């Protein structure tokens, strides 16, 4: 069974394309190519434990960091200037984790990510795939809003 509905997958995909098309990072390549920030979403039922198989929240978050890092390396070949944002959801682990690469972090700071995650936590408490889809869309909408803002640099 899917973690979220097929319709939510399609809606999320459309939002990710819209962010890429309508945002601009500050590197010369993105400016010349008229491309922007790359937001990707990884949704899984459960992470395979890689740190030490502990179920402590700090170890689970460390696993999410490692998963996100490797996914960013694997998927990140599309990111030419460190403009990738990766949202990782592990349903059964209760994890919502966002990795921001250096350029994306200028507009989407760690503090902003934490606030957005906490504001949307209600969607991820439990296994309700409708709520989970709503939560992912809500987070992506907010990320997109911040990434589309003009730079102040």
N, C-alpha and C. Protein backbone atom coordinates (compact mmCIF):
# COMPACT_ATOMS: atom_id res chain seq x y z
N UNK A 1 0.83 -1.18 0.00
CA UNK A 1 0.00 0.00 0.00
C UNK A 1 0.88 1.25 0.00
N UNK A 2 0.45 2.24 -0.74
CA UNK A 2 1.18 3.50 -0.82
C UNK A 2 1.13 4.25 0.51
N UNK A 3 2.19 4.97 0.81
CA UNK A 3 2.23 5.77 2.03
C UNK A 3 1.29 6.97 1.90
N UNK A 4 1.20 7.55 0.68
CA UNK A 4 0.23 8.62 0.40
C UNK A 4 -0.50 8.25 -0.89
N UNK A 5 -1.56 8.96 -1.19
CA UNK A 5 -2.37 8.62 -2.37
C UNK A 5 -1.65 9.02 -3.66
N UNK A 6 -2.05 8.38 -4.74
CA UNK A 6 -1.49 8.70 -6.05
C UNK A 6 -1.80 10.15 -6.43
N UNK A 7 -2.98 10.63 -6.07
CA UNK A 7 -3.33 12.03 -6.35
C UNK A 7 -2.39 12.99 -5.60
N UNK A 8 -2.09 12.65 -4.34
CA UNK A 8 -1.14 13.49 -3.58
C UNK A 8 0.24 13.45 -4.22
N UNK A 9 0.66 12.29 -4.70
CA UNK A 9 1.95 12.19 -5.40
C UNK A 9 1.96 13.13 -6.60
N UNK A 10 0.89 13.12 -7.38
CA UNK A 10 0.81 14.00 -8.56
C UNK A 10 0.80 15.48 -8.16
N UNK A 11 0.03 15.82 -7.12
CA UNK A 11 -0.02 17.21 -6.65
C UNK A 11 1.36 17.67 -6.18
N UNK A 12 2.04 16.82 -5.42
CA UNK A 12 3.37 17.15 -4.91
C UNK A 12 4.34 17.33 -6.07
N UNK A 13 4.30 16.43 -7.04
CA UNK A 13 5.17 16.54 -8.21
C UNK A 13 4.97 17.87 -8.93
N UNK A 14 3.72 18.27 -9.10
CA UNK A 14 3.43 19.56 -9.74
C UNK A 14 4.01 20.72 -8.95
N UNK A 15 3.90 20.67 -7.63
CA UNK A 15 4.44 21.73 -6.77
C UNK A 15 5.96 21.80 -6.87
N UNK A 16 6.62 20.64 -6.95
CA UNK A 16 8.08 20.61 -7.04
C UNK A 16 8.56 21.23 -8.35
N UNK A 17 7.86 20.92 -9.44
CA UNK A 17 8.20 21.51 -10.75
C UNK A 17 7.99 23.01 -10.71
N UNK A 18 6.90 23.44 -10.09
CA UNK A 18 6.60 24.87 -10.00
C UNK A 18 7.69 25.62 -9.22
N UNK A 19 8.17 25.04 -8.14
CA UNK A 19 9.24 25.68 -7.37
C UNK A 19 10.51 25.78 -8.22
N UNK A 20 10.86 24.70 -8.90
CA UNK A 20 12.06 24.69 -9.74
C UNK A 20 11.97 25.75 -10.84
N UNK A 21 10.79 25.90 -11.41
CA UNK A 21 10.58 26.82 -12.52
C UNK A 21 10.50 28.27 -12.07
N UNK A 22 9.91 28.52 -10.91
CA UNK A 22 9.60 29.89 -10.50
C UNK A 22 10.46 30.43 -9.36
N UNK A 23 11.50 29.73 -8.98
CA UNK A 23 12.43 30.25 -7.98
C UNK A 23 13.78 30.44 -8.65
N UNK A 24 14.63 31.24 -8.05
CA UNK A 24 15.97 31.47 -8.58
C UNK A 24 16.99 31.45 -7.45
N UNK A 25 17.97 30.58 -7.59
CA UNK A 25 19.08 30.69 -6.66
C UNK A 25 20.06 31.70 -7.27
N UNK A 26 21.10 32.02 -6.56
CA UNK A 26 21.97 33.13 -6.97
C UNK A 26 23.17 32.73 -7.80
N UNK A 27 23.32 31.47 -8.16
CA UNK A 27 24.50 31.09 -8.93
C UNK A 27 24.33 31.47 -10.40
N UNK A 28 25.45 31.68 -11.06
CA UNK A 28 25.42 32.09 -12.47
C UNK A 28 24.74 31.06 -13.36
N UNK A 29 24.97 29.77 -13.09
CA UNK A 29 24.38 28.73 -13.93
C UNK A 29 22.85 28.75 -13.85
N UNK A 30 22.32 28.87 -12.64
CA UNK A 30 20.86 28.92 -12.49
C UNK A 30 20.28 30.18 -13.11
N UNK A 31 20.97 31.29 -12.95
CA UNK A 31 20.50 32.54 -13.54
C UNK A 31 20.49 32.42 -15.06
N UNK A 32 21.57 31.91 -15.65
CA UNK A 32 21.65 31.75 -17.10
C UNK A 32 20.63 30.76 -17.64
N UNK A 33 20.41 29.67 -16.91
CA UNK A 33 19.48 28.63 -17.36
C UNK A 33 18.04 28.89 -16.94
N UNK A 34 17.84 29.94 -16.16
CA UNK A 34 16.51 30.28 -15.64
C UNK A 34 15.87 29.11 -14.90
N UNK A 35 16.68 28.51 -14.05
CA UNK A 35 16.21 27.42 -13.20
C UNK A 35 16.39 27.83 -11.75
N UNK A 36 15.77 27.07 -10.87
CA UNK A 36 15.81 27.46 -9.47
C UNK A 36 16.12 26.31 -8.54
N UNK A 37 15.55 26.40 -7.37
CA UNK A 37 15.81 25.43 -6.31
C UNK A 37 15.16 24.09 -6.64
N UNK A 38 15.86 23.04 -6.29
CA UNK A 38 15.37 21.68 -6.50
C UNK A 38 14.90 21.14 -5.16
N UNK A 39 13.62 20.85 -5.07
CA UNK A 39 13.06 20.25 -3.87
C UNK A 39 12.66 18.82 -4.23
N UNK A 40 13.13 17.87 -3.44
CA UNK A 40 12.81 16.46 -3.66
C UNK A 40 12.21 15.89 -2.39
N UNK A 41 11.38 14.88 -2.56
CA UNK A 41 10.70 14.26 -1.43
C UNK A 41 10.94 12.76 -1.47
N UNK A 42 11.39 12.21 -0.35
CA UNK A 42 11.56 10.77 -0.19
C UNK A 42 10.57 10.31 0.87
N UNK A 43 9.67 9.42 0.49
CA UNK A 43 8.64 8.92 1.41
C UNK A 43 8.81 7.41 1.52
N UNK A 44 8.93 6.93 2.75
CA UNK A 44 9.11 5.49 2.94
C UNK A 44 8.28 5.02 4.12
N UNK A 45 7.88 3.76 4.09
CA UNK A 45 7.14 3.23 5.23
C UNK A 45 8.02 3.20 6.49
N UNK A 46 9.29 2.76 6.34
CA UNK A 46 10.18 2.61 7.49
C UNK A 46 11.62 2.59 7.01
N UNK A 47 12.50 3.19 7.80
CA UNK A 47 13.92 3.15 7.48
C UNK A 47 14.52 1.84 7.98
N UNK A 48 15.44 1.31 7.22
CA UNK A 48 16.27 0.21 7.71
C UNK A 48 17.31 0.85 8.62
N UNK A 49 17.41 0.39 9.84
CA UNK A 49 18.30 1.03 10.81
C UNK A 49 19.75 0.80 10.43
N UNK A 50 20.52 1.88 10.39
CA UNK A 50 21.92 1.78 9.97
C UNK A 50 22.92 2.25 11.02
N UNK A 51 22.50 3.03 11.99
CA UNK A 51 23.46 3.52 12.98
C UNK A 51 23.79 2.42 13.98
N UNK A 52 22.86 2.04 14.82
CA UNK A 52 23.14 0.96 15.77
C UNK A 52 21.88 0.19 16.15
N UNK A 53 20.86 0.31 15.34
CA UNK A 53 19.58 -0.38 15.54
C UNK A 53 18.87 0.03 16.82
N UNK A 54 19.33 1.11 17.42
CA UNK A 54 18.67 1.64 18.61
C UNK A 54 17.38 2.33 18.20
N UNK A 55 16.40 2.32 19.07
CA UNK A 55 15.15 3.00 18.79
C UNK A 55 15.05 4.35 19.49
N UNK A 56 16.18 4.86 19.97
CA UNK A 56 16.14 6.20 20.57
C UNK A 56 15.92 7.22 19.47
N UNK A 57 15.19 8.28 19.79
CA UNK A 57 14.87 9.29 18.77
C UNK A 57 16.14 9.92 18.21
N UNK A 58 17.17 10.12 19.03
CA UNK A 58 18.40 10.73 18.50
C UNK A 58 19.07 9.82 17.47
N UNK A 59 19.05 8.51 17.69
CA UNK A 59 19.62 7.59 16.70
C UNK A 59 18.77 7.50 15.44
N UNK A 60 17.46 7.56 15.61
CA UNK A 60 16.57 7.54 14.44
C UNK A 60 16.78 8.80 13.60
N UNK A 61 16.92 9.95 14.25
CA UNK A 61 17.19 11.20 13.52
C UNK A 61 18.55 11.12 12.83
N UNK A 62 19.53 10.53 13.49
CA UNK A 62 20.85 10.36 12.86
C UNK A 62 20.73 9.48 11.61
N UNK A 63 19.93 8.42 11.69
CA UNK A 63 19.68 7.60 10.50
C UNK A 63 19.04 8.42 9.40
N UNK A 64 18.08 9.27 9.76
CA UNK A 64 17.42 10.13 8.76
C UNK A 64 18.43 11.06 8.10
N UNK A 65 19.37 11.59 8.89
CA UNK A 65 20.44 12.44 8.32
C UNK A 65 21.27 11.66 7.30
N UNK A 66 21.63 10.44 7.68
CA UNK A 66 22.46 9.62 6.79
C UNK A 66 21.68 9.28 5.52
N UNK A 67 20.43 8.85 5.65
CA UNK A 67 19.59 8.57 4.48
C UNK A 67 19.51 9.80 3.59
N UNK A 68 19.23 10.95 4.19
CA UNK A 68 19.09 12.19 3.42
C UNK A 68 20.38 12.55 2.71
N UNK A 69 21.49 12.38 3.41
CA UNK A 69 22.78 12.70 2.80
C UNK A 69 23.03 11.82 1.57
N UNK A 70 22.83 10.51 1.72
CA UNK A 70 23.09 9.62 0.59
C UNK A 70 22.10 9.85 -0.55
N UNK A 71 20.84 10.11 -0.22
CA UNK A 71 19.88 10.43 -1.28
C UNK A 71 20.27 11.73 -1.99
N UNK A 72 20.77 12.70 -1.24
CA UNK A 72 21.18 13.96 -1.87
C UNK A 72 22.39 13.74 -2.78
N UNK A 73 23.26 12.83 -2.40
CA UNK A 73 24.40 12.51 -3.27
C UNK A 73 23.93 11.77 -4.52
N UNK A 74 22.98 10.86 -4.36
CA UNK A 74 22.47 10.07 -5.47
C UNK A 74 21.61 10.92 -6.40
N UNK A 75 20.65 11.64 -5.81
CA UNK A 75 19.75 12.48 -6.60
C UNK A 75 20.37 13.84 -6.91
N UNK A 76 21.35 14.23 -6.13
CA UNK A 76 21.87 15.59 -6.19
C UNK A 76 22.66 15.95 -7.42
N UNK A 77 22.85 15.02 -8.34
CA UNK A 77 23.57 15.35 -9.57
C UNK A 77 22.82 16.41 -10.37
N UNK A 78 21.52 16.58 -10.07
CA UNK A 78 20.74 17.62 -10.74
C UNK A 78 21.02 19.00 -10.14
N UNK A 79 21.54 19.01 -8.94
CA UNK A 79 21.80 20.27 -8.24
C UNK A 79 23.21 20.74 -8.59
N UNK A 80 23.30 21.78 -9.38
CA UNK A 80 24.59 22.24 -9.87
C UNK A 80 25.31 23.15 -8.89
N UNK A 81 24.58 23.75 -7.97
CA UNK A 81 25.21 24.75 -7.10
C UNK A 81 24.75 24.63 -5.65
N UNK A 82 24.49 23.44 -5.20
CA UNK A 82 24.07 23.22 -3.81
C UNK A 82 22.72 23.86 -3.51
N UNK A 83 21.77 23.75 -4.46
CA UNK A 83 20.45 24.35 -4.29
C UNK A 83 19.36 23.32 -3.98
N UNK A 84 19.76 22.13 -3.52
CA UNK A 84 18.81 21.05 -3.26
C UNK A 84 18.21 21.14 -1.85
N UNK A 85 16.92 20.87 -1.77
CA UNK A 85 16.21 20.67 -0.51
C UNK A 85 15.59 19.28 -0.59
N UNK A 86 15.85 18.45 0.41
CA UNK A 86 15.32 17.09 0.41
C UNK A 86 14.48 16.87 1.66
N UNK A 87 13.22 16.55 1.46
CA UNK A 87 12.30 16.25 2.55
C UNK A 87 12.15 14.74 2.64
N UNK A 88 12.54 14.17 3.79
CA UNK A 88 12.48 12.73 4.00
C UNK A 88 11.39 12.43 5.04
N UNK A 89 10.48 11.54 4.68
CA UNK A 89 9.40 11.12 5.57
C UNK A 89 9.53 9.61 5.77
N UNK A 90 9.64 9.19 7.02
CA UNK A 90 9.61 7.77 7.35
C UNK A 90 8.42 7.55 8.29
N UNK A 91 7.34 7.04 7.71
CA UNK A 91 6.05 6.94 8.41
C UNK A 91 6.14 6.19 9.73
N UNK A 92 6.62 4.96 9.70
CA UNK A 92 6.60 4.13 10.91
C UNK A 92 7.61 4.58 11.96
N UNK A 93 8.64 5.31 11.53
CA UNK A 93 9.63 5.84 12.47
C UNK A 93 9.19 7.18 13.06
N UNK A 94 8.15 7.78 12.48
CA UNK A 94 7.70 9.08 12.95
C UNK A 94 8.67 10.20 12.63
N UNK A 95 9.38 10.07 11.50
CA UNK A 95 10.43 11.03 11.15
C UNK A 95 9.99 11.91 9.99
N UNK A 96 10.17 13.21 10.19
CA UNK A 96 10.03 14.21 9.14
C UNK A 96 11.33 14.99 9.20
N UNK A 97 12.19 14.84 8.19
CA UNK A 97 13.53 15.43 8.22
C UNK A 97 13.79 16.17 6.91
N UNK A 98 14.35 17.36 7.01
CA UNK A 98 14.68 18.14 5.82
C UNK A 98 16.16 18.43 5.78
N UNK A 99 16.78 18.10 4.67
CA UNK A 99 18.17 18.45 4.40
C UNK A 99 18.16 19.63 3.44
N UNK A 100 18.93 20.66 3.76
CA UNK A 100 19.07 21.80 2.84
C UNK A 100 20.55 21.94 2.50
N UNK A 101 20.83 22.00 1.21
CA UNK A 101 22.21 22.26 0.81
C UNK A 101 22.51 23.74 0.97
N UNK A 102 23.79 24.08 0.86
CA UNK A 102 24.30 25.39 1.23
C UNK A 102 23.54 26.56 0.60
N UNK A 103 23.33 26.54 -0.70
CA UNK A 103 22.67 27.69 -1.33
C UNK A 103 21.21 27.78 -0.90
N UNK A 104 20.54 26.65 -0.81
CA UNK A 104 19.13 26.65 -0.39
C UNK A 104 19.00 27.14 1.05
N UNK A 105 19.99 26.86 1.88
CA UNK A 105 19.94 27.24 3.29
C UNK A 105 19.99 28.76 3.49
N UNK A 106 20.40 29.49 2.47
CA UNK A 106 20.39 30.96 2.56
C UNK A 106 18.97 31.50 2.64
N UNK A 107 18.05 30.84 1.97
CA UNK A 107 16.64 31.28 2.00
C UNK A 107 15.79 30.43 2.93
N UNK A 108 16.21 29.21 3.17
CA UNK A 108 15.45 28.27 3.99
C UNK A 108 16.37 27.82 5.13
N UNK A 109 16.47 28.66 6.16
CA UNK A 109 17.40 28.41 7.25
C UNK A 109 16.95 27.22 8.10
N UNK A 110 17.87 26.71 8.90
CA UNK A 110 17.54 25.61 9.81
C UNK A 110 16.40 26.00 10.76
N UNK A 111 16.41 27.24 11.21
CA UNK A 111 15.35 27.71 12.11
C UNK A 111 14.00 27.70 11.40
N UNK A 112 13.97 28.12 10.14
CA UNK A 112 12.72 28.11 9.36
C UNK A 112 12.23 26.68 9.16
N UNK A 113 13.16 25.78 8.82
CA UNK A 113 12.79 24.37 8.61
C UNK A 113 12.20 23.78 9.89
N UNK A 114 12.83 24.07 11.02
CA UNK A 114 12.33 23.55 12.30
C UNK A 114 10.93 24.06 12.58
N UNK A 115 10.69 25.35 12.37
CA UNK A 115 9.36 25.93 12.61
C UNK A 115 8.32 25.30 11.68
N UNK A 116 8.65 25.18 10.40
CA UNK A 116 7.71 24.59 9.44
C UNK A 116 7.41 23.14 9.80
N UNK A 117 8.43 22.39 10.20
CA UNK A 117 8.24 21.00 10.59
C UNK A 117 7.33 20.90 11.81
N UNK A 118 7.60 21.71 12.82
CA UNK A 118 6.78 21.68 14.03
C UNK A 118 5.34 22.13 13.75
N UNK A 119 5.18 23.14 12.89
CA UNK A 119 3.84 23.62 12.53
C UNK A 119 3.02 22.55 11.82
N UNK A 120 3.69 21.61 11.16
CA UNK A 120 3.00 20.58 10.38
C UNK A 120 3.04 19.20 11.02
N UNK A 121 3.59 19.09 12.21
CA UNK A 121 3.75 17.79 12.87
C UNK A 121 2.41 17.06 13.03
N UNK A 122 1.33 17.81 13.22
CA UNK A 122 0.01 17.20 13.42
C UNK A 122 -0.41 16.30 12.26
N UNK A 123 0.12 16.56 11.07
CA UNK A 123 -0.22 15.74 9.91
C UNK A 123 0.49 14.39 9.91
N UNK A 124 1.57 14.29 10.68
CA UNK A 124 2.41 13.10 10.63
C UNK A 124 2.28 12.22 11.87
N UNK A 125 1.43 12.60 12.80
CA UNK A 125 1.21 11.79 14.00
C UNK A 125 0.18 10.72 13.66
N UNK A 126 0.64 9.52 13.41
CA UNK A 126 -0.25 8.43 13.02
C UNK A 126 0.02 8.00 11.59
N UNK A 127 -0.77 7.08 11.12
CA UNK A 127 -0.57 6.51 9.79
C UNK A 127 -1.66 6.89 8.80
N UNK A 128 -2.27 8.04 8.99
CA UNK A 128 -3.34 8.50 8.10
C UNK A 128 -2.71 9.06 6.83
N UNK A 129 -2.84 8.32 5.73
CA UNK A 129 -2.16 8.74 4.49
C UNK A 129 -2.74 10.01 3.90
N UNK A 130 -4.01 10.30 4.16
CA UNK A 130 -4.61 11.56 3.68
C UNK A 130 -3.96 12.73 4.40
N UNK A 131 -3.87 12.63 5.73
CA UNK A 131 -3.24 13.70 6.51
C UNK A 131 -1.76 13.83 6.14
N UNK A 132 -1.08 12.71 5.93
CA UNK A 132 0.33 12.76 5.58
C UNK A 132 0.53 13.49 4.25
N UNK A 133 -0.31 13.20 3.28
CA UNK A 133 -0.23 13.91 2.00
C UNK A 133 -0.47 15.40 2.18
N UNK A 134 -1.45 15.76 3.02
CA UNK A 134 -1.72 17.17 3.30
C UNK A 134 -0.51 17.84 3.95
N UNK A 135 0.12 17.13 4.88
CA UNK A 135 1.28 17.68 5.57
C UNK A 135 2.45 17.92 4.64
N UNK A 136 2.71 16.97 3.75
CA UNK A 136 3.81 17.14 2.79
C UNK A 136 3.51 18.33 1.88
N UNK A 137 2.28 18.42 1.39
CA UNK A 137 1.92 19.55 0.52
C UNK A 137 2.03 20.88 1.26
N UNK A 138 1.62 20.90 2.51
CA UNK A 138 1.72 22.12 3.30
C UNK A 138 3.18 22.55 3.48
N UNK A 139 4.04 21.59 3.80
CA UNK A 139 5.46 21.91 3.97
C UNK A 139 6.07 22.39 2.66
N UNK A 140 5.76 21.71 1.57
CA UNK A 140 6.31 22.10 0.27
C UNK A 140 5.81 23.49 -0.13
N UNK A 141 4.54 23.77 0.13
CA UNK A 141 4.02 25.12 -0.16
C UNK A 141 4.82 26.18 0.58
N UNK A 142 5.09 25.94 1.86
CA UNK A 142 5.83 26.92 2.65
C UNK A 142 7.28 27.02 2.17
N UNK A 143 7.92 25.87 1.89
CA UNK A 143 9.28 25.91 1.36
C UNK A 143 9.31 26.71 0.06
N UNK A 144 8.35 26.44 -0.83
CA UNK A 144 8.30 27.15 -2.11
C UNK A 144 8.12 28.64 -1.92
N UNK A 145 7.25 29.02 -1.00
CA UNK A 145 7.02 30.44 -0.72
C UNK A 145 8.33 31.13 -0.31
N UNK A 146 9.09 30.48 0.55
CA UNK A 146 10.35 31.06 1.02
C UNK A 146 11.42 31.04 -0.07
N UNK A 147 11.48 29.97 -0.86
CA UNK A 147 12.50 29.86 -1.91
C UNK A 147 12.23 30.80 -3.08
N UNK A 148 10.98 31.18 -3.29
CA UNK A 148 10.64 32.10 -4.38
C UNK A 148 10.87 33.57 -4.01
N UNK A 149 11.06 33.85 -2.73
CA UNK A 149 11.28 35.25 -2.33
C UNK A 149 12.57 35.76 -2.95
N UNK A 150 12.57 37.03 -3.37
CA UNK A 150 13.81 37.61 -3.92
C UNK A 150 14.91 37.61 -2.86
N UNK A 151 16.14 37.41 -3.32
CA UNK A 151 17.28 37.43 -2.40
C UNK A 151 17.52 38.83 -1.88
N UNK A 152 18.00 38.90 -0.66
CA UNK A 152 18.34 40.18 -0.07
C UNK A 152 19.84 40.44 -0.15
N UNK A 153 20.57 39.53 -0.76
CA UNK A 153 22.03 39.67 -0.85
C UNK A 153 22.42 40.59 -1.97
